[in-house]
Amino acid sequence: MIRRVVRDLKKYNAYCLYAVRATLKSEVAGAYLNWLWWFLDPLLFMLVYTFIVQVVFDKRMPNFHIYVFIGLNVWKMFNGSVMASANLIRSSKGLLSKVYVPKFILLNTKIFVALFKMSVAFLLVFVMCAAFSVRLTWNLLYCLPLFLSLYVVTFGLSSIVLHMGVYFRDLSNIMSVLLRLVYYMSGIFFDIQSGVPQPYSDILLHLNPIAFLIHSLRQAVMYQSAPNLPVLLAWFLVGLALAAAGIRLTYRHENSYVKVV
């Protein structure tokens, strides 16, 4: 299977890049602010959460706006990719009925679009850090393996959801409810370590990959510290295992997908 995956990656690399560029262009076509919406969307949500937490509930945290902005960017990338995967085969029926494209290539296209927009928005994190005197150190380099692990975990889970979404029409509704639960368990707008009693805080941070990755990115960017490397490696390997299982499922059943949808 590995040889087939590598062969398909090489063969459809140009298509994937073209589809990513076309999707990004179509999203901003006709919009006056164009790509600025990739900054404004998480920025506006950040302002809302900052107002609610620090003004309405009167809970203070230094540089809370940066704290929330990091969490929102990661969540938006993960949530958008997983939700898109639930209906990806059905929404691509017209394409798949005419030409053959490996299903994980279609999924990669969606995830790369989300990763690109998240990376662009993350530039604003560094601008805010500089503006509010948050010291940036070499620990920023940990963002690279953290982003890689985020991609692998997202791809792995999304590939499983992609396969299941072909046979369960209501999967997107189910995933919406489940992801909403994960959202509140990921510490997007609160600190899990101080807001959740032990041992539940450690359980959430170690067994919820999104909570762990958000926490680790905040530690690297805002608090000049390294992530928990054994946990990071563990989730990276889990993501690889999920990705392998998902790709195997799509290869095995892809001939029946068009018939089902």
C-alpha atoms as a PDB file:
ATOM      1  CA  MET A   1       0.000   0.000   0.000  1.00  0.00           C
ATOM      2  CA  ILE A   2       2.871   2.380   0.771  1.00  0.00           C
ATOM      3  CA  ARG A   3       4.151   2.165  -2.801  1.00  0.00           C
ATOM      4  CA  ARG A   4       0.697   2.927  -4.155  1.00  0.00           C
ATOM      5  CA  VAL A   5       0.321   5.934  -1.840  1.00  0.00           C
ATOM      6  CA  VAL A   6       3.716   7.322  -2.886  1.00  0.00           C
ATOM      7  CA  ARG A   7       2.898   6.737  -6.561  1.00  0.00           C
ATOM      8  CA  ASP A   8      -0.452   8.494  -6.253  1.00  0.00           C
ATOM      9  CA  LEU A   9       1.103  11.407  -4.360  1.00  0.00           C
ATOM     10  CA  LYS A  10       3.590  11.952  -7.192  1.00  0.00           C
ATOM     11  CA  LYS A  11       1.019  11.460  -9.938  1.00  0.00           C
ATOM     12  CA  TYR A  12      -1.646  13.759  -8.481  1.00  0.00           C
ATOM     13  CA  ASN A  13       0.607  16.354  -6.864  1.00  0.00           C
ATOM     14  CA  ALA A  14      -0.051  18.887  -9.627  1.00  0.00           C
ATOM     15  CA  TYR A  15      -3.813  18.358  -9.345  1.00  0.00           C
ATOM     16  CA  CYS A  16      -3.698  18.836  -5.578  1.00  0.00           C
ATOM     17  CA  LEU A  17      -1.785  22.117  -5.835  1.00  0.00           C
ATOM     18  CA  TYR A  18      -4.085  23.376  -8.597  1.00  0.00           C
ATOM     19  CA  ALA A  19      -7.191  22.472  -6.576  1.00  0.00           C
ATOM     20  CA  VAL A  20      -5.819  24.236  -3.485  1.00  0.00           C
ATOM     21  CA  ARG A  21      -5.095  27.432  -5.440  1.00  0.00           C
ATOM     22  CA  ALA A  22      -8.491  27.294  -7.176  1.00  0.00           C
ATOM     23  CA  THR A  23     -10.317  26.817  -3.874  1.00  0.00           C
ATOM     24  CA  LEU A  24      -8.483  29.695  -2.206  1.00  0.00           C
ATOM     25  CA  LYS A  25      -9.193  31.996  -5.150  1.00  0.00           C
ATOM     26  CA  SER A  26     -12.874  31.036  -5.286  1.00  0.00           C
ATOM     27  CA  GLU A  27     -13.322  31.752  -1.572  1.00  0.00           C
ATOM     28  CA  VAL A  28     -12.250  35.371  -1.931  1.00  0.00           C
ATOM     29  CA  ALA A  29     -13.664  36.006  -5.404  1.00  0.00           C
ATOM     30  CA  GLY A  30     -16.101  38.905  -5.324  1.00  0.00           C
ATOM     31  CA  ALA A  31     -15.252  39.808  -1.719  1.00  0.00           C
ATOM     32  CA  TYR A  32     -14.021  43.358  -1.144  1.00  0.00           C
ATOM     33  CA  LEU A  33     -11.627  42.316   1.632  1.00  0.00           C
ATOM     34  CA  ASN A  34     -10.401  39.191  -0.207  1.00  0.00           C
ATOM     35  CA  TRP A  35      -7.825  37.231   1.826  1.00  0.00           C
ATOM     36  CA  LEU A  36      -8.128  39.655   4.751  1.00  0.00           C
ATOM     37  CA  TRP A  37     -11.116  37.588   5.841  1.00  0.00           C
ATOM     38  CA  TRP A  38      -8.654  34.849   6.819  1.00  0.00           C
ATOM     39  CA  PHE A  39      -7.409  37.279   9.481  1.00  0.00           C
ATOM     40  CA  LEU A  40     -10.710  38.935  10.296  1.00  0.00           C
ATOM     41  CA  ASP A  41     -12.768  35.805  10.928  1.00  0.00           C
ATOM     42  CA  PRO A  42     -10.724  34.476  13.890  1.00  0.00           C
ATOM     43  CA  LEU A  43      -9.929  38.041  14.969  1.00  0.00           C
ATOM     44  CA  LEU A  44     -13.596  38.952  15.363  1.00  0.00           C
ATOM     45  CA  PHE A  45     -14.310  35.756  17.275  1.00  0.00           C
ATOM     46  CA  MET A  46     -11.307  36.525  19.481  1.00  0.00           C
ATOM     47  CA  LEU A  47     -12.764  39.937  20.317  1.00  0.00           C
ATOM     48  CA  VAL A  48     -16.131  38.379  21.196  1.00  0.00           C
ATOM     49  CA  TYR A  49     -14.608  35.769  23.524  1.00  0.00           C
ATOM     50  CA  THR A  50     -12.290  38.337  25.095  1.00  0.00           C
ATOM     51  CA  PHE A  51     -15.240  40.616  25.827  1.00  0.00           C
ATOM     52  CA  ILE A  52     -17.371  37.821  27.282  1.00  0.00           C
ATOM     53  CA  VAL A  53     -14.660  36.319  29.497  1.00  0.00           C
ATOM     54  CA  GLN A  54     -12.845  39.439  30.657  1.00  0.00           C
ATOM     55  CA  VAL A  55     -15.678  41.984  30.733  1.00  0.00           C
ATOM     56  CA  VAL A  56     -18.873  40.007  31.342  1.00  0.00           C
ATOM     57  CA  PHE A  57     -17.401  37.315  33.627  1.00  0.00           C
ATOM     58  CA  ASP A  58     -14.568  39.540  34.899  1.00  0.00           C
ATOM     59  CA  LYS A  59     -11.899  36.834  34.590  1.00  0.00           C
ATOM     60  CA  ARG A  60      -8.458  38.262  33.924  1.00  0.00           C
ATOM     61  CA  MET A  61      -5.573  36.585  32.137  1.00  0.00           C
ATOM     62  CA  PRO A  62      -2.501  38.331  30.688  1.00  0.00           C
ATOM     63  CA  ASN A  63      -2.650  38.494  26.882  1.00  0.00           C
ATOM     64  CA  PHE A  64      -5.912  36.587  26.841  1.00  0.00           C
ATOM     65  CA  HIS A  65      -6.642  37.773  23.292  1.00  0.00           C
ATOM     66  CA  ILE A  66      -3.522  36.008  21.975  1.00  0.00           C
ATOM     67  CA  TYR A  67      -4.382  32.952  24.054  1.00  0.00           C
ATOM     68  CA  VAL A  68      -7.843  32.709  22.472  1.00  0.00           C
ATOM     69  CA  PHE A  69      -6.631  33.537  18.976  1.00  0.00           C
ATOM     70  CA  ILE A  70      -4.230  30.567  18.961  1.00  0.00           C
ATOM     71  CA  GLY A  71      -6.972  28.212  20.113  1.00  0.00           C
ATOM     72  CA  LEU A  72      -9.504  29.475  17.590  1.00  0.00           C
ATOM     73  CA  ASN A  73      -7.083  29.116  14.664  1.00  0.00           C
ATOM     74  CA  VAL A  74      -6.228  25.520  15.496  1.00  0.00           C
ATOM     75  CA  TRP A  75      -9.862  24.599  16.136  1.00  0.00           C
ATOM     76  CA  LYS A  76     -11.099  26.191  12.933  1.00  0.00           C
ATOM     77  CA  MET A  77      -8.587  24.209  10.884  1.00  0.00           C
ATOM     78  CA  PHE A  78      -9.413  20.901  12.601  1.00  0.00           C
ATOM     79  CA  ASN A  79     -13.185  21.347  12.738  1.00  0.00           C
ATOM     80  CA  GLY A  80     -13.476  22.570   9.149  1.00  0.00           C
ATOM     81  CA  SER A  81     -11.427  19.666   7.790  1.00  0.00           C
ATOM     82  CA  VAL A  82     -13.294  16.957   9.675  1.00  0.00           C
ATOM     83  CA  MET A  83     -16.718  18.392   8.845  1.00  0.00           C
ATOM     84  CA  ALA A  84     -15.812  18.734   5.156  1.00  0.00           C
ATOM     85  CA  SER A  85     -14.662  15.102   5.033  1.00  0.00           C
ATOM     86  CA  ALA A  86     -18.095  13.801   6.120  1.00  0.00           C
ATOM     87  CA  ASN A  87     -19.700  14.841   2.807  1.00  0.00           C
ATOM     88  CA  LEU A  88     -16.598  15.004   0.612  1.00  0.00           C
ATOM     89  CA  ILE A  89     -17.400  12.002  -1.584  1.00  0.00           C
ATOM     90  CA  ARG A  90     -21.013  13.066  -2.086  1.00  0.00           C
ATOM     91  CA  SER A  91     -20.049  16.649  -2.911  1.00  0.00           C
ATOM     92  CA  SER A  92     -17.412  15.388  -5.393  1.00  0.00           C
ATOM     93  CA  LYS A  93     -19.726  12.932  -7.136  1.00  0.00           C
ATOM     94  CA  GLY A  94     -19.626  14.858 -10.424  1.00  0.00           C
ATOM     95  CA  LEU A  95     -15.838  14.751 -10.565  1.00  0.00           C
ATOM     96  CA  LEU A  96     -15.480  11.149  -9.403  1.00  0.00           C
ATOM     97  CA  SER A  97     -18.035   9.870 -11.934  1.00  0.00           C
ATOM     98  CA  LYS A  98     -15.889  11.227 -14.793  1.00  0.00           C
ATOM     99  CA  VAL A  99     -12.248  10.771 -13.748  1.00  0.00           C
ATOM    100  CA  TYR A 100     -10.353   8.727 -11.211  1.00  0.00           C
ATOM    101  CA  VAL A 101      -8.816  10.634  -8.330  1.00  0.00           C
ATOM    102  CA  PRO A 102      -7.593   8.881  -5.156  1.00  0.00           C
ATOM    103  CA  LYS A 103      -9.948   9.856  -2.382  1.00  0.00           C
ATOM    104  CA  PHE A 104      -7.172  10.794   0.031  1.00  0.00           C
ATOM    105  CA  ILE A 105      -5.951  13.332  -2.554  1.00  0.00           C
ATOM    106  CA  LEU A 106      -9.346  15.054  -2.398  1.00  0.00           C
ATOM    107  CA  LEU A 107      -9.106  15.067   1.385  1.00  0.00           C
ATOM    108  CA  ASN A 108      -5.558  16.431   1.291  1.00  0.00           C
ATOM    109  CA  THR A 109      -6.781  19.305  -0.842  1.00  0.00           C
ATOM    110  CA  LYS A 110      -9.354  20.304   1.784  1.00  0.00           C
ATOM    111  CA  ILE A 111      -6.867  20.019   4.635  1.00  0.00           C
ATOM    112  CA  PHE A 112      -4.128  21.948   2.797  1.00  0.00           C
ATOM    113  CA  VAL A 113      -6.576  24.807   2.206  1.00  0.00           C
ATOM    114  CA  ALA A 114      -7.416  24.884   5.921  1.00  0.00           C
ATOM    115  CA  LEU A 115      -3.724  24.642   6.880  1.00  0.00           C
ATOM    116  CA  PHE A 116      -2.807  27.506   4.569  1.00  0.00           C
ATOM    117  CA  LYS A 117      -5.479  29.790   5.998  1.00  0.00           C
ATOM    118  CA  MET A 118      -4.469  28.859   9.545  1.00  0.00           C
ATOM    119  CA  SER A 119      -0.809  29.592   8.763  1.00  0.00           C
ATOM    120  CA  VAL A 120      -1.702  32.992   7.295  1.00  0.00           C
ATOM    121  CA  ALA A 121      -3.787  33.847  10.351  1.00  0.00           C
ATOM    122  CA  PHE A 122      -0.952  32.727  12.640  1.00  0.00           C
ATOM    123  CA  LEU A 123       1.149  35.588  11.287  1.00  0.00           C
ATOM    124  CA  LEU A 124      -1.167  37.858  13.265  1.00  0.00           C
ATOM    125  CA  VAL A 125      -0.243  35.926  16.431  1.00  0.00           C
ATOM    126  CA  PHE A 126       3.399  36.954  16.048  1.00  0.00           C
ATOM    127  CA  VAL A 127       2.379  40.538  15.310  1.00  0.00           C
ATOM    128  CA  MET A 128       0.285  40.633  18.486  1.00  0.00           C
ATOM    129  CA  CYS A 129       3.123  39.067  20.496  1.00  0.00           C
ATOM    130  CA  ALA A 130       5.476  41.804  19.341  1.00  0.00           C
ATOM    131  CA  ALA A 131       2.889  44.519  19.981  1.00  0.00           C
ATOM    132  CA  PHE A 132       2.152  43.344  23.540  1.00  0.00           C
ATOM    133  CA  SER A 133       5.747  42.560  24.508  1.00  0.00           C
ATOM    134  CA  VAL A 134       5.408  38.794  24.576  1.00  0.00           C
ATOM    135  CA  ARG A 135       8.965  37.488  24.341  1.00  0.00           C
ATOM    136  CA  LEU A 136       9.547  35.166  21.397  1.00  0.00           C
ATOM    137  CA  THR A 137      12.290  32.555  21.774  1.00  0.00           C
ATOM    138  CA  TRP A 138      13.711  29.565  19.935  1.00  0.00           C
ATOM    139  CA  ASN A 139      10.854  27.534  21.377  1.00  0.00           C
ATOM    140  CA  LEU A 140       8.849  28.858  18.424  1.00  0.00           C
ATOM    141  CA  LEU A 141      10.554  26.125  16.392  1.00  0.00           C
ATOM    142  CA  TYR A 142       8.355  23.620  18.202  1.00  0.00           C
ATOM    143  CA  CYS A 143       5.469  25.038  16.173  1.00  0.00           C
ATOM    144  CA  LEU A 144       6.725  23.054  13.162  1.00  0.00           C
ATOM    145  CA  PRO A 145       6.373  19.551  14.685  1.00  0.00           C
ATOM    146  CA  LEU A 146       3.153  20.685  16.377  1.00  0.00           C
ATOM    147  CA  PHE A 147       1.677  21.794  13.030  1.00  0.00           C
ATOM    148  CA  LEU A 148       2.852  18.531  11.456  1.00  0.00           C
ATOM    149  CA  SER A 149       1.171  16.510  14.199  1.00  0.00           C
ATOM    150  CA  LEU A 150      -1.996  18.591  13.793  1.00  0.00           C
ATOM    151  CA  TYR A 151      -2.015  17.762  10.087  1.00  0.00           C
ATOM    152  CA  VAL A 152      -1.416  14.041  10.652  1.00  0.00           C
ATOM    153  CA  VAL A 153      -4.083  13.716  13.354  1.00  0.00           C
ATOM    154  CA  THR A 154      -6.583  15.745  11.308  1.00  0.00           C
ATOM    155  CA  PHE A 155      -5.908  13.741   8.159  1.00  0.00           C
ATOM    156  CA  GLY A 156      -6.107  10.434  10.011  1.00  0.00           C
ATOM    157  CA  LEU A 157      -9.446  11.167  11.665  1.00  0.00           C
ATOM    158  CA  SER A 158     -10.858  12.832   8.536  1.00  0.00           C
ATOM    159  CA  SER A 159      -9.953   9.852   6.347  1.00  0.00           C
ATOM    160  CA  ILE A 160     -12.008   7.565   8.606  1.00  0.00           C
ATOM    161  CA  VAL A 161     -14.915  10.044   8.607  1.00  0.00           C
ATOM    162  CA  LEU A 162     -14.674  10.341   4.807  1.00  0.00           C
ATOM    163  CA  HIS A 163     -15.206   6.598   4.405  1.00  0.00           C
ATOM    164  CA  MET A 164     -18.046   6.407   6.920  1.00  0.00           C
ATOM    165  CA  GLY A 165     -19.749   9.469   5.408  1.00  0.00           C
ATOM    166  CA  VAL A 166     -20.353   7.585   2.161  1.00  0.00           C
ATOM    167  CA  TYR A 167     -22.632   5.086   3.899  1.00  0.00           C
ATOM    168  CA  PHE A 168     -24.170   7.266   6.639  1.00  0.00           C
ATOM    169  CA  ARG A 169     -25.973  10.329   5.318  1.00  0.00           C
ATOM    170  CA  ASP A 170     -26.525  11.722   8.796  1.00  0.00           C
ATOM    171  CA  LEU A 171     -22.863  11.503   9.758  1.00  0.00           C
ATOM    172  CA  SER A 172     -22.300  15.234   9.299  1.00  0.00           C
ATOM    173  CA  ASN A 173     -25.052  15.962  11.850  1.00  0.00           C
ATOM    174  CA  ILE A 174     -23.590  13.458  14.288  1.00  0.00           C
ATOM    175  CA  MET A 175     -20.087  14.867  13.810  1.00  0.00           C
ATOM    176  CA  SER A 176     -21.379  18.389  14.380  1.00  0.00           C
ATOM    177  CA  VAL A 177     -22.650  17.381  17.827  1.00  0.00           C
ATOM    178  CA  LEU A 178     -19.512  15.401  18.705  1.00  0.00           C
ATOM    179  CA  LEU A 179     -17.184  18.173  17.576  1.00  0.00           C
ATOM    180  CA  ARG A 180     -19.144  20.703  19.607  1.00  0.00           C
ATOM    181  CA  LEU A 181     -18.434  18.531  22.655  1.00  0.00           C
ATOM    182  CA  VAL A 182     -14.748  18.328  21.741  1.00  0.00           C
ATOM    183  CA  TYR A 183     -14.734  22.108  21.304  1.00  0.00           C
ATOM    184  CA  TYR A 184     -15.748  22.683  24.904  1.00  0.00           C
ATOM    185  CA  MET A 185     -13.221  20.074  26.072  1.00  0.00           C
ATOM    186  CA  SER A 186     -10.287  21.636  24.212  1.00  0.00           C
ATOM    187  CA  GLY A 187      -9.703  24.790  26.244  1.00  0.00           C
ATOM    188  CA  ILE A 188     -10.327  27.228  23.394  1.00  0.00           C
ATOM    189  CA  PHE A 189     -11.255  30.090  25.731  1.00  0.00           C
ATOM    190  CA  PHE A 190     -10.112  28.809  29.133  1.00  0.00           C
ATOM    191  CA  ASP A 191      -7.059  27.235  30.733  1.00  0.00           C
ATOM    192  CA  ILE A 192      -7.655  23.520  31.274  1.00  0.00           C
ATOM    193  CA  GLN A 193      -4.888  23.219  33.870  1.00  0.00           C
ATOM    194  CA  SER A 194      -6.326  25.916  36.132  1.00  0.00           C
ATOM    195  CA  GLY A 195     -10.002  25.579  35.210  1.00  0.00           C
ATOM    196  CA  VAL A 196     -10.397  21.806  35.503  1.00  0.00           C
ATOM    197  CA  PRO A 197      -9.496  19.942  38.714  1.00  0.00           C
ATOM    198  CA  GLN A 198      -6.934  17.155  38.798  1.00  0.00           C
ATOM    199  CA  PRO A 199      -6.703  14.468  37.546  1.00  0.00           C
ATOM    200  CA  TYR A 200      -9.269  15.452  34.906  1.00  0.00           C
ATOM    201  CA  SER A 201      -7.153  18.292  33.531  1.00  0.00           C
ATOM    202  CA  ASP A 202      -4.255  15.931  32.769  1.00  0.00           C
ATOM    203  CA  ILE A 203      -6.664  13.415  31.245  1.00  0.00           C
ATOM    204  CA  LEU A 204      -8.123  16.083  28.941  1.00  0.00           C
ATOM    205  CA  LEU A 205      -4.718  17.384  27.908  1.00  0.00           C
ATOM    206  CA  HIS A 206      -3.272  13.942  27.196  1.00  0.00           C
ATOM    207  CA  LEU A 207      -6.269  12.128  25.702  1.00  0.00           C
ATOM    208  CA  ASN A 208      -7.679  14.994  23.634  1.00  0.00           C
ATOM    209  CA  PRO A 209      -5.175  15.687  20.833  1.00  0.00           C
ATOM    210  CA  ILE A 210      -6.633  19.100  19.982  1.00  0.00           C
ATOM    211  CA  ALA A 211      -6.493  20.239  23.617  1.00  0.00           C
ATOM    212  CA  PHE A 212      -2.899  19.013  23.808  1.00  0.00           C
ATOM    213  CA  LEU A 213      -1.812  20.687  20.557  1.00  0.00           C
ATOM    214  CA  ILE A 214      -3.483  23.997  21.430  1.00  0.00           C
ATOM    215  CA  HIS A 215      -1.915  23.948  24.887  1.00  0.00           C
ATOM    216  CA  SER A 216       1.499  23.086  23.440  1.00  0.00           C
ATOM    217  CA  LEU A 217       1.343  25.857  20.827  1.00  0.00           C
ATOM    218  CA  ARG A 218       0.470  28.368  23.543  1.00  0.00           C
ATOM    219  CA  GLN A 219       3.373  27.133  25.637  1.00  0.00           C
ATOM    220  CA  ALA A 220       5.807  27.464  22.729  1.00  0.00           C
ATOM    221  CA  VAL A 221       4.581  30.882  21.551  1.00  0.00           C
ATOM    222  CA  MET A 222       3.499  32.668  24.724  1.00  0.00           C
ATOM    223  CA  TYR A 223       5.311  30.995  27.609  1.00  0.00           C
ATOM    224  CA  GLN A 224       8.685  30.052  26.057  1.00  0.00           C
ATOM    225  CA  SER A 225       8.512  26.376  26.972  1.00  0.00           C
ATOM    226  CA  ALA A 226       8.724  23.048  25.163  1.00  0.00           C
ATOM    227  CA  PRO A 227       5.774  20.700  24.664  1.00  0.00           C
ATOM    228  CA  ASN A 228       5.521  17.273  26.253  1.00  0.00           C
ATOM    229  CA  LEU A 229       7.536  15.438  23.593  1.00  0.00           C
ATOM    230  CA  PRO A 230       6.523  11.844  24.516  1.00  0.00           C
ATOM    231  CA  VAL A 231       2.825  12.803  24.272  1.00  0.00           C
ATOM    232  CA  LEU A 232       3.482  14.674  21.029  1.00  0.00           C
ATOM    233  CA  LEU A 233       5.196  11.619  19.549  1.00  0.00           C
ATOM    234  CA  ALA A 234       2.382   9.374  20.742  1.00  0.00           C
ATOM    235  CA  TRP A 235      -0.293  11.463  19.027  1.00  0.00           C
ATOM    236  CA  PHE A 236       1.813  11.703  15.871  1.00  0.00           C
ATOM    237  CA  LEU A 237       1.987   7.895  15.735  1.00  0.00           C
ATOM    238  CA  VAL A 238      -1.753   7.609  16.446  1.00  0.00           C
ATOM    239  CA  GLY A 239      -2.397  10.006  13.573  1.00  0.00           C
ATOM    240  CA  LEU A 240      -0.226   7.907  11.250  1.00  0.00           C
ATOM    241  CA  ALA A 241      -2.083   4.743  12.273  1.00  0.00           C
ATOM    242  CA  LEU A 242      -5.460   6.409  11.622  1.00  0.00           C
ATOM    243  CA  ALA A 243      -4.215   7.731   8.270  1.00  0.00           C
ATOM    244  CA  ALA A 244      -3.009   4.281   7.222  1.00  0.00           C
ATOM    245  CA  ALA A 245      -6.330   2.727   8.217  1.00  0.00           C
ATOM    246  CA  GLY A 246      -8.317   5.429   6.434  1.00  0.00           C
ATOM    247  CA  ILE A 247      -6.333   5.209   3.196  1.00  0.00           C
ATOM    248  CA  ARG A 248      -6.614   1.417   3.246  1.00  0.00           C
ATOM    249  CA  LEU A 249     -10.400   1.692   3.636  1.00  0.00           C
ATOM    250  CA  THR A 250     -10.746   4.125   0.738  1.00  0.00           C
ATOM    251  CA  TYR A 251      -8.550   2.025  -1.547  1.00  0.00           C
ATOM    252  CA  ARG A 252     -10.563  -1.087  -0.711  1.00  0.00           C
ATOM    253  CA  HIS A 253     -14.013   0.444  -1.170  1.00  0.00           C
ATOM    254  CA  GLU A 254     -13.495   3.308  -3.635  1.00  0.00           C
ATOM    255  CA  ASN A 255     -15.052   1.410  -6.552  1.00  0.00           C
ATOM    256  CA  SER A 256     -18.348   1.248  -4.693  1.00  0.00           C
ATOM    257  CA  TYR A 257     -18.442   4.877  -3.549  1.00  0.00           C
ATOM    258  CA  VAL A 258     -19.960   6.309  -6.742  1.00  0.00           C
ATOM    259  CA  LYS A 259     -22.600   3.563  -6.783  1.00  0.00           C
ATOM    260  CA  VAL A 260     -23.609   4.300  -3.187  1.00  0.00           C
ATOM    261  CA  VAL A 261     -23.812   8.090  -3.502  1.00  0.00           C
END
